[in-house]
């Protein structure tokens, strides 16, 4: 029961009830970003392990899809499709930036970094964003992802639960910002200065457009591998 209490401080920090979505467990209604912080925190506290080699995408994909579907009155079929899309996109991006064993041992496994894409994608899909806006949402996710460390796990802090809540909350804030309209911020995964090269460490150190130093760890082939095949 102590682990379930991890969501209580997150709930108290959000300024009280009121909103279009429901918090699991107690029925409190609040705004989707606030509920996402709580449910993401609880999802990890409840140990929703995926047995995925890249992290724990369920802690973001499932709560975010559920809340977005409730907020926008979507069907169960649309909910399931959004969760599938979240896994597909998350895994591709995560596999593209998985650290080498040496980097893992030296700096830790920063799986909370790429978790943000498991949050953004189902929301963007359920919000009905077109390809251009989803491209922008992914670009914002690249900019808003956290430093790829795992200090909470190294120090055995329960703060690690909150990290998933923060990613879920940010997924909603990003999708809502893109829905309202932003300029540019597209094709971020194609530019090693923005995400893959930065997470993997060695690319584009000086920020020059001509700098295209590809670290051995960055495998951007995962982003499009076998797309369109069965």
C-alpha atoms as a PDB file:
ATOM      1  CA  UNK A   1       0.000   0.000   0.000  1.00  0.00           C
ATOM      2  CA  UNK A   2       2.925   2.328   0.609  1.00  0.00           C
ATOM      3  CA  UNK A   3       3.752   2.222  -3.113  1.00  0.00           C
ATOM      4  CA  UNK A   4       0.198   3.223  -4.036  1.00  0.00           C
ATOM      5  CA  UNK A   5       0.565   6.349  -1.889  1.00  0.00           C
ATOM      6  CA  UNK A   6       3.135   7.682  -4.342  1.00  0.00           C
ATOM      7  CA  UNK A   7       0.357   9.296  -6.361  1.00  0.00           C
ATOM      8  CA  UNK A   8      -1.014  11.307  -3.430  1.00  0.00           C
ATOM      9  CA  UNK A   9       1.591  14.136  -3.398  1.00  0.00           C
ATOM     10  CA  UNK A  10       1.228  14.421  -7.165  1.00  0.00           C
ATOM     11  CA  UNK A  11      -2.522  14.872  -6.753  1.00  0.00           C
ATOM     12  CA  UNK A  12      -2.193  17.430  -3.961  1.00  0.00           C
ATOM     13  CA  UNK A  13       0.201  19.546  -6.015  1.00  0.00           C
ATOM     14  CA  UNK A  14      -2.334  20.129  -8.796  1.00  0.00           C
ATOM     15  CA  UNK A  15      -4.685  22.603  -7.170  1.00  0.00           C
ATOM     16  CA  UNK A  16      -7.777  20.510  -6.582  1.00  0.00           C
ATOM     17  CA  UNK A  17     -10.446  18.712  -8.618  1.00  0.00           C
ATOM     18  CA  UNK A  18     -12.441  19.719 -11.677  1.00  0.00           C
ATOM     19  CA  UNK A  19     -12.046  18.735 -15.315  1.00  0.00           C
ATOM     20  CA  UNK A  20     -13.072  16.380 -18.128  1.00  0.00           C
ATOM     21  CA  UNK A  21     -11.124  13.239 -17.197  1.00  0.00           C
ATOM     22  CA  UNK A  22     -11.180  10.822 -14.294  1.00  0.00           C
ATOM     23  CA  UNK A  23      -8.367   9.738 -11.989  1.00  0.00           C
ATOM     24  CA  UNK A  24      -8.297   5.981 -11.526  1.00  0.00           C
ATOM     25  CA  UNK A  25      -9.012   4.744  -8.029  1.00  0.00           C
ATOM     26  CA  UNK A  26     -10.927   7.635  -6.485  1.00  0.00           C
ATOM     27  CA  UNK A  27     -13.010   9.092  -9.319  1.00  0.00           C
ATOM     28  CA  UNK A  28     -11.646  12.621  -8.996  1.00  0.00           C
ATOM     29  CA  UNK A  29     -12.122  14.665 -12.174  1.00  0.00           C
ATOM     30  CA  UNK A  30      -9.505  17.152 -13.368  1.00  0.00           C
ATOM     31  CA  UNK A  31      -7.724  18.506 -16.427  1.00  0.00           C
ATOM     32  CA  UNK A  32      -5.987  15.881 -18.559  1.00  0.00           C
ATOM     33  CA  UNK A  33      -2.372  17.062 -17.944  1.00  0.00           C
ATOM     34  CA  UNK A  34      -2.953  16.949 -14.194  1.00  0.00           C
ATOM     35  CA  UNK A  35      -4.558  13.514 -14.295  1.00  0.00           C
ATOM     36  CA  UNK A  36      -1.722  12.286 -16.503  1.00  0.00           C
ATOM     37  CA  UNK A  37       0.836  13.236 -13.857  1.00  0.00           C
ATOM     38  CA  UNK A  38      -1.050  11.183 -11.288  1.00  0.00           C
ATOM     39  CA  UNK A  39      -1.744   8.151 -13.470  1.00  0.00           C
ATOM     40  CA  UNK A  40       1.775   8.012 -14.871  1.00  0.00           C
ATOM     41  CA  UNK A  41       3.165   8.091 -11.338  1.00  0.00           C
ATOM     42  CA  UNK A  42       0.769   5.381 -10.187  1.00  0.00           C
ATOM     43  CA  UNK A  43       1.410   3.239 -13.254  1.00  0.00           C
ATOM     44  CA  UNK A  44       5.086   2.966 -12.390  1.00  0.00           C
ATOM     45  CA  UNK A  45       4.406   2.596  -8.665  1.00  0.00           C
ATOM     46  CA  UNK A  46       2.178  -0.359  -9.562  1.00  0.00           C
ATOM     47  CA  UNK A  47       5.128  -1.818 -11.494  1.00  0.00           C
ATOM     48  CA  UNK A  48       3.610  -1.928 -14.970  1.00  0.00           C
ATOM     49  CA  UNK A  49       6.689  -3.609 -16.338  1.00  0.00           C
ATOM     50  CA  UNK A  50       6.644  -4.352 -20.066  1.00  0.00           C
ATOM     51  CA  UNK A  51       9.637  -6.676 -20.219  1.00  0.00           C
ATOM     52  CA  UNK A  52      10.727  -4.376 -23.039  1.00  0.00           C
ATOM     53  CA  UNK A  53      14.462  -4.086 -23.738  1.00  0.00           C
ATOM     54  CA  UNK A  54      14.005  -0.326 -24.129  1.00  0.00           C
ATOM     55  CA  UNK A  55      12.092   0.641 -20.994  1.00  0.00           C
ATOM     56  CA  UNK A  56       8.501   0.741 -19.751  1.00  0.00           C
ATOM     57  CA  UNK A  57       6.306   2.257 -22.468  1.00  0.00           C
ATOM     58  CA  UNK A  58       3.045   1.094 -20.860  1.00  0.00           C
ATOM     59  CA  UNK A  59       3.453   3.618 -18.053  1.00  0.00           C
ATOM     60  CA  UNK A  60       2.980   6.367 -20.643  1.00  0.00           C
ATOM     61  CA  UNK A  61       1.114   4.782 -23.549  1.00  0.00           C
ATOM     62  CA  UNK A  62      -1.817   3.370 -21.577  1.00  0.00           C
ATOM     63  CA  UNK A  63      -2.631   6.263 -19.190  1.00  0.00           C
ATOM     64  CA  UNK A  64      -2.202   8.898 -21.907  1.00  0.00           C
ATOM     65  CA  UNK A  65      -4.327   7.030 -24.423  1.00  0.00           C
ATOM     66  CA  UNK A  66      -7.022   6.370 -21.843  1.00  0.00           C
ATOM     67  CA  UNK A  67      -7.199   9.988 -20.704  1.00  0.00           C
ATOM     68  CA  UNK A  68      -7.129  11.428 -24.224  1.00  0.00           C
ATOM     69  CA  UNK A  69      -9.903   9.036 -25.275  1.00  0.00           C
ATOM     70  CA  UNK A  70     -12.021  10.084 -22.302  1.00  0.00           C
ATOM     71  CA  UNK A  71     -11.297  13.770 -22.866  1.00  0.00           C
ATOM     72  CA  UNK A  72     -12.235  13.647 -26.565  1.00  0.00           C
ATOM     73  CA  UNK A  73     -15.007  11.010 -26.280  1.00  0.00           C
ATOM     74  CA  UNK A  74     -13.314   8.452 -28.513  1.00  0.00           C
ATOM     75  CA  UNK A  75     -14.338   4.831 -29.041  1.00  0.00           C
ATOM     76  CA  UNK A  76     -12.667   1.739 -27.637  1.00  0.00           C
ATOM     77  CA  UNK A  77     -11.414   0.896 -31.110  1.00  0.00           C
ATOM     78  CA  UNK A  78      -9.768   4.319 -31.411  1.00  0.00           C
ATOM     79  CA  UNK A  79      -8.245   3.870 -27.957  1.00  0.00           C
ATOM     80  CA  UNK A  80      -6.645   0.538 -28.875  1.00  0.00           C
ATOM     81  CA  UNK A  81      -5.345   1.912 -32.186  1.00  0.00           C
ATOM     82  CA  UNK A  82      -3.715   4.812 -30.329  1.00  0.00           C
ATOM     83  CA  UNK A  83      -1.981   2.466 -27.884  1.00  0.00           C
ATOM     84  CA  UNK A  84      -0.640   0.356 -30.758  1.00  0.00           C
ATOM     85  CA  UNK A  85       0.655   3.485 -32.494  1.00  0.00           C
ATOM     86  CA  UNK A  86       2.343   4.559 -29.267  1.00  0.00           C
ATOM     87  CA  UNK A  87       4.230   1.273 -28.960  1.00  0.00           C
ATOM     88  CA  UNK A  88       5.254   1.308 -32.619  1.00  0.00           C
ATOM     89  CA  UNK A  89       6.682   4.834 -32.589  1.00  0.00           C
ATOM     90  CA  UNK A  90       8.164   4.631 -29.100  1.00  0.00           C
ATOM     91  CA  UNK A  91      10.036   1.402 -29.801  1.00  0.00           C
ATOM     92  CA  UNK A  92      11.497   2.708 -33.047  1.00  0.00           C
ATOM     93  CA  UNK A  93      12.826   5.888 -31.465  1.00  0.00           C
ATOM     94  CA  UNK A  94      14.031   4.079 -28.352  1.00  0.00           C
ATOM     95  CA  UNK A  95      15.890   1.437 -30.363  1.00  0.00           C
ATOM     96  CA  UNK A  96      17.545   4.164 -32.435  1.00  0.00           C
ATOM     97  CA  UNK A  97      19.221   5.637 -29.342  1.00  0.00           C
ATOM     98  CA  UNK A  98      19.906   2.679 -27.041  1.00  0.00           C
ATOM     99  CA  UNK A  99      23.285   3.129 -25.335  1.00  0.00           C
ATOM    100  CA  UNK A 100      26.262   0.869 -25.781  1.00  0.00           C
ATOM    101  CA  UNK A 101      27.235  -1.290 -22.827  1.00  0.00           C
ATOM    102  CA  UNK A 102      30.086   1.101 -22.094  1.00  0.00           C
ATOM    103  CA  UNK A 103      27.860   4.169 -22.003  1.00  0.00           C
ATOM    104  CA  UNK A 104      25.274   2.276 -19.978  1.00  0.00           C
ATOM    105  CA  UNK A 105      27.862   1.376 -17.344  1.00  0.00           C
ATOM    106  CA  UNK A 106      29.362   4.866 -17.304  1.00  0.00           C
ATOM    107  CA  UNK A 107      26.237   7.042 -17.369  1.00  0.00           C
ATOM    108  CA  UNK A 108      23.292   4.766 -16.663  1.00  0.00           C
ATOM    109  CA  UNK A 109      20.275   3.791 -18.702  1.00  0.00           C
ATOM    110  CA  UNK A 110      18.248   6.916 -19.367  1.00  0.00           C
ATOM    111  CA  UNK A 111      15.019   5.188 -20.295  1.00  0.00           C
ATOM    112  CA  UNK A 112      12.879   7.999 -18.878  1.00  0.00           C
ATOM    113  CA  UNK A 113      14.248  10.160 -21.706  1.00  0.00           C
ATOM    114  CA  UNK A 114      12.571   8.421 -24.640  1.00  0.00           C
ATOM    115  CA  UNK A 115       9.455   7.584 -22.596  1.00  0.00           C
ATOM    116  CA  UNK A 116       8.046  10.939 -23.688  1.00  0.00           C
ATOM    117  CA  UNK A 117       7.283   9.565 -27.151  1.00  0.00           C
ATOM    118  CA  UNK A 118       5.058   6.837 -25.680  1.00  0.00           C
ATOM    119  CA  UNK A 119       3.079   9.683 -24.119  1.00  0.00           C
ATOM    120  CA  UNK A 120       2.911  12.059 -27.085  1.00  0.00           C
ATOM    121  CA  UNK A 121       1.863   9.658 -29.834  1.00  0.00           C
ATOM    122  CA  UNK A 122      -1.425   8.261 -28.463  1.00  0.00           C
ATOM    123  CA  UNK A 123      -2.581  11.740 -27.477  1.00  0.00           C
ATOM    124  CA  UNK A 124      -1.698  13.185 -30.875  1.00  0.00           C
ATOM    125  CA  UNK A 125      -3.563  10.366 -32.621  1.00  0.00           C
ATOM    126  CA  UNK A 126      -6.676  10.678 -30.472  1.00  0.00           C
ATOM    127  CA  UNK A 127      -6.630  14.453 -30.904  1.00  0.00           C
ATOM    128  CA  UNK A 128      -6.782  13.850 -34.649  1.00  0.00           C
ATOM    129  CA  UNK A 129      -3.562  15.693 -35.442  1.00  0.00           C
ATOM    130  CA  UNK A 130      -2.484  15.396 -39.071  1.00  0.00           C
ATOM    131  CA  UNK A 131       0.939  14.153 -40.196  1.00  0.00           C
ATOM    132  CA  UNK A 132       2.451  17.642 -40.142  1.00  0.00           C
ATOM    133  CA  UNK A 133       1.338  18.302 -36.579  1.00  0.00           C
ATOM    134  CA  UNK A 134       2.411  14.855 -35.376  1.00  0.00           C
ATOM    135  CA  UNK A 135       5.805  15.621 -36.910  1.00  0.00           C
ATOM    136  CA  UNK A 136       5.876  18.823 -34.862  1.00  0.00           C
ATOM    137  CA  UNK A 137       4.796  16.997 -31.704  1.00  0.00           C
ATOM    138  CA  UNK A 138       7.664  14.534 -32.103  1.00  0.00           C
ATOM    139  CA  UNK A 139       9.986  17.505 -32.614  1.00  0.00           C
ATOM    140  CA  UNK A 140       8.776  19.058 -29.376  1.00  0.00           C
ATOM    141  CA  UNK A 141       9.311  15.715 -27.665  1.00  0.00           C
ATOM    142  CA  UNK A 142      12.919  15.737 -28.861  1.00  0.00           C
ATOM    143  CA  UNK A 143      13.420  19.196 -27.357  1.00  0.00           C
ATOM    144  CA  UNK A 144      11.552  18.433 -24.133  1.00  0.00           C
ATOM    145  CA  UNK A 145      13.101  15.043 -23.375  1.00  0.00           C
ATOM    146  CA  UNK A 146      15.199  14.877 -20.227  1.00  0.00           C
ATOM    147  CA  UNK A 147      18.917  14.259 -19.830  1.00  0.00           C
ATOM    148  CA  UNK A 148      19.444  10.501 -20.367  1.00  0.00           C
ATOM    149  CA  UNK A 149      20.507   9.500 -16.877  1.00  0.00           C
ATOM    150  CA  UNK A 150      19.013   7.119 -14.346  1.00  0.00           C
ATOM    151  CA  UNK A 151      20.156   8.710 -11.103  1.00  0.00           C
ATOM    152  CA  UNK A 152      16.894   7.960  -9.299  1.00  0.00           C
ATOM    153  CA  UNK A 153      17.412   4.232  -9.817  1.00  0.00           C
ATOM    154  CA  UNK A 154      21.091   4.444  -8.905  1.00  0.00           C
ATOM    155  CA  UNK A 155      20.189   6.081  -5.589  1.00  0.00           C
ATOM    156  CA  UNK A 156      17.082   3.893  -5.094  1.00  0.00           C
ATOM    157  CA  UNK A 157      14.807   6.945  -4.926  1.00  0.00           C
ATOM    158  CA  UNK A 158      11.046   6.623  -5.302  1.00  0.00           C
ATOM    159  CA  UNK A 159      11.233   9.769  -7.418  1.00  0.00           C
ATOM    160  CA  UNK A 160      11.621   7.416 -10.370  1.00  0.00           C
ATOM    161  CA  UNK A 161       7.834   6.866 -10.222  1.00  0.00           C
ATOM    162  CA  UNK A 162       7.216  10.568 -10.701  1.00  0.00           C
ATOM    163  CA  UNK A 163       9.402  10.691 -13.783  1.00  0.00           C
ATOM    164  CA  UNK A 164       6.793   8.717 -15.708  1.00  0.00           C
ATOM    165  CA  UNK A 165       4.081  11.040 -14.447  1.00  0.00           C
ATOM    166  CA  UNK A 166       6.037  14.034 -15.695  1.00  0.00           C
ATOM    167  CA  UNK A 167       6.465  12.457 -19.120  1.00  0.00           C
ATOM    168  CA  UNK A 168       2.709  11.782 -19.302  1.00  0.00           C
ATOM    169  CA  UNK A 169       1.878  15.337 -18.264  1.00  0.00           C
ATOM    170  CA  UNK A 170       4.318  16.773 -20.797  1.00  0.00           C
ATOM    171  CA  UNK A 171       2.829  14.593 -23.518  1.00  0.00           C
ATOM    172  CA  UNK A 172      -0.495  16.352 -23.036  1.00  0.00           C
ATOM    173  CA  UNK A 173       1.052  19.813 -22.853  1.00  0.00           C
ATOM    174  CA  UNK A 174       2.983  19.172 -26.073  1.00  0.00           C
ATOM    175  CA  UNK A 175      -0.021  17.783 -27.966  1.00  0.00           C
ATOM    176  CA  UNK A 176      -2.191  20.688 -26.848  1.00  0.00           C
ATOM    177  CA  UNK A 177       0.419  23.251 -27.886  1.00  0.00           C
ATOM    178  CA  UNK A 178       0.766  21.678 -31.327  1.00  0.00           C
ATOM    179  CA  UNK A 179      -3.000  21.434 -31.724  1.00  0.00           C
ATOM    180  CA  UNK A 180      -3.301  25.177 -31.090  1.00  0.00           C
ATOM    181  CA  UNK A 181      -0.467  25.857 -33.526  1.00  0.00           C
ATOM    182  CA  UNK A 182       3.319  26.300 -33.473  1.00  0.00           C
ATOM    183  CA  UNK A 183       5.820  27.231 -36.173  1.00  0.00           C
ATOM    184  CA  UNK A 184       8.268  24.747 -37.674  1.00  0.00           C
ATOM    185  CA  UNK A 185       9.828  22.176 -35.282  1.00  0.00           C
ATOM    186  CA  UNK A 186       9.573  19.439 -37.915  1.00  0.00           C
ATOM    187  CA  UNK A 187      11.855  16.558 -38.936  1.00  0.00           C
ATOM    188  CA  UNK A 188      13.748  16.658 -35.634  1.00  0.00           C
ATOM    189  CA  UNK A 189      14.633  12.969 -35.786  1.00  0.00           C
ATOM    190  CA  UNK A 190      16.354  13.504 -39.137  1.00  0.00           C
ATOM    191  CA  UNK A 191      18.793  16.051 -37.710  1.00  0.00           C
ATOM    192  CA  UNK A 192      21.545  14.570 -35.513  1.00  0.00           C
ATOM    193  CA  UNK A 193      21.995  17.945 -33.819  1.00  0.00           C
ATOM    194  CA  UNK A 194      18.562  17.656 -32.235  1.00  0.00           C
ATOM    195  CA  UNK A 195      18.027  14.226 -30.708  1.00  0.00           C
ATOM    196  CA  UNK A 196      19.715  11.033 -31.849  1.00  0.00           C
ATOM    197  CA  UNK A 197      23.184  12.559 -31.952  1.00  0.00           C
ATOM    198  CA  UNK A 198      22.746  14.387 -28.664  1.00  0.00           C
ATOM    199  CA  UNK A 199      21.395  11.380 -26.761  1.00  0.00           C
ATOM    200  CA  UNK A 200      24.121   9.153 -28.164  1.00  0.00           C
ATOM    201  CA  UNK A 201      26.710  11.750 -27.370  1.00  0.00           C
ATOM    202  CA  UNK A 202      29.246  12.344 -30.113  1.00  0.00           C
ATOM    203  CA  UNK A 203      27.468  13.960 -33.039  1.00  0.00           C
ATOM    204  CA  UNK A 204      27.394  17.625 -34.047  1.00  0.00           C
ATOM    205  CA  UNK A 205      29.386  18.792 -31.067  1.00  0.00           C
ATOM    206  CA  UNK A 206      29.839  22.314 -32.402  1.00  0.00           C
ATOM    207  CA  UNK A 207      26.296  22.832 -33.685  1.00  0.00           C
ATOM    208  CA  UNK A 208      27.534  23.375 -37.246  1.00  0.00           C
ATOM    209  CA  UNK A 209      25.160  22.315 -40.011  1.00  0.00           C
ATOM    210  CA  UNK A 210      28.072  20.573 -41.703  1.00  0.00           C
ATOM    211  CA  UNK A 211      28.927  18.457 -38.667  1.00  0.00           C
ATOM    212  CA  UNK A 212      27.621  14.947 -39.276  1.00  0.00           C
ATOM    213  CA  UNK A 213      29.698  12.746 -36.980  1.00  0.00           C
ATOM    214  CA  UNK A 214      27.714   9.571 -36.453  1.00  0.00           C
ATOM    215  CA  UNK A 215      28.325   7.789 -33.169  1.00  0.00           C
ATOM    216  CA  UNK A 216      28.356   4.008 -33.346  1.00  0.00           C
ATOM    217  CA  UNK A 217      25.497   3.928 -30.855  1.00  0.00           C
ATOM    218  CA  UNK A 218      23.028   5.911 -32.945  1.00  0.00           C
ATOM    219  CA  UNK A 219      21.162   3.587 -35.312  1.00  0.00           C
ATOM    220  CA  UNK A 220      18.599   5.749 -37.073  1.00  0.00           C
ATOM    221  CA  UNK A 221      17.789   2.830 -39.343  1.00  0.00           C
ATOM    222  CA  UNK A 222      15.337   1.738 -36.648  1.00  0.00           C
ATOM    223  CA  UNK A 223      13.168   4.761 -37.407  1.00  0.00           C
ATOM    224  CA  UNK A 224      12.021   3.352 -40.750  1.00  0.00           C
ATOM    225  CA  UNK A 225      13.120  -0.299 -40.735  1.00  0.00           C
ATOM    226  CA  UNK A 226      10.588  -2.604 -42.431  1.00  0.00           C
ATOM    227  CA  UNK A 227       7.897   0.065 -42.581  1.00  0.00           C
ATOM    228  CA  UNK A 228       5.128  -1.027 -44.917  1.00  0.00           C
ATOM    229  CA  UNK A 229       5.974  -4.722 -44.627  1.00  0.00           C
ATOM    230  CA  UNK A 230       4.261  -7.546 -42.797  1.00  0.00           C
END
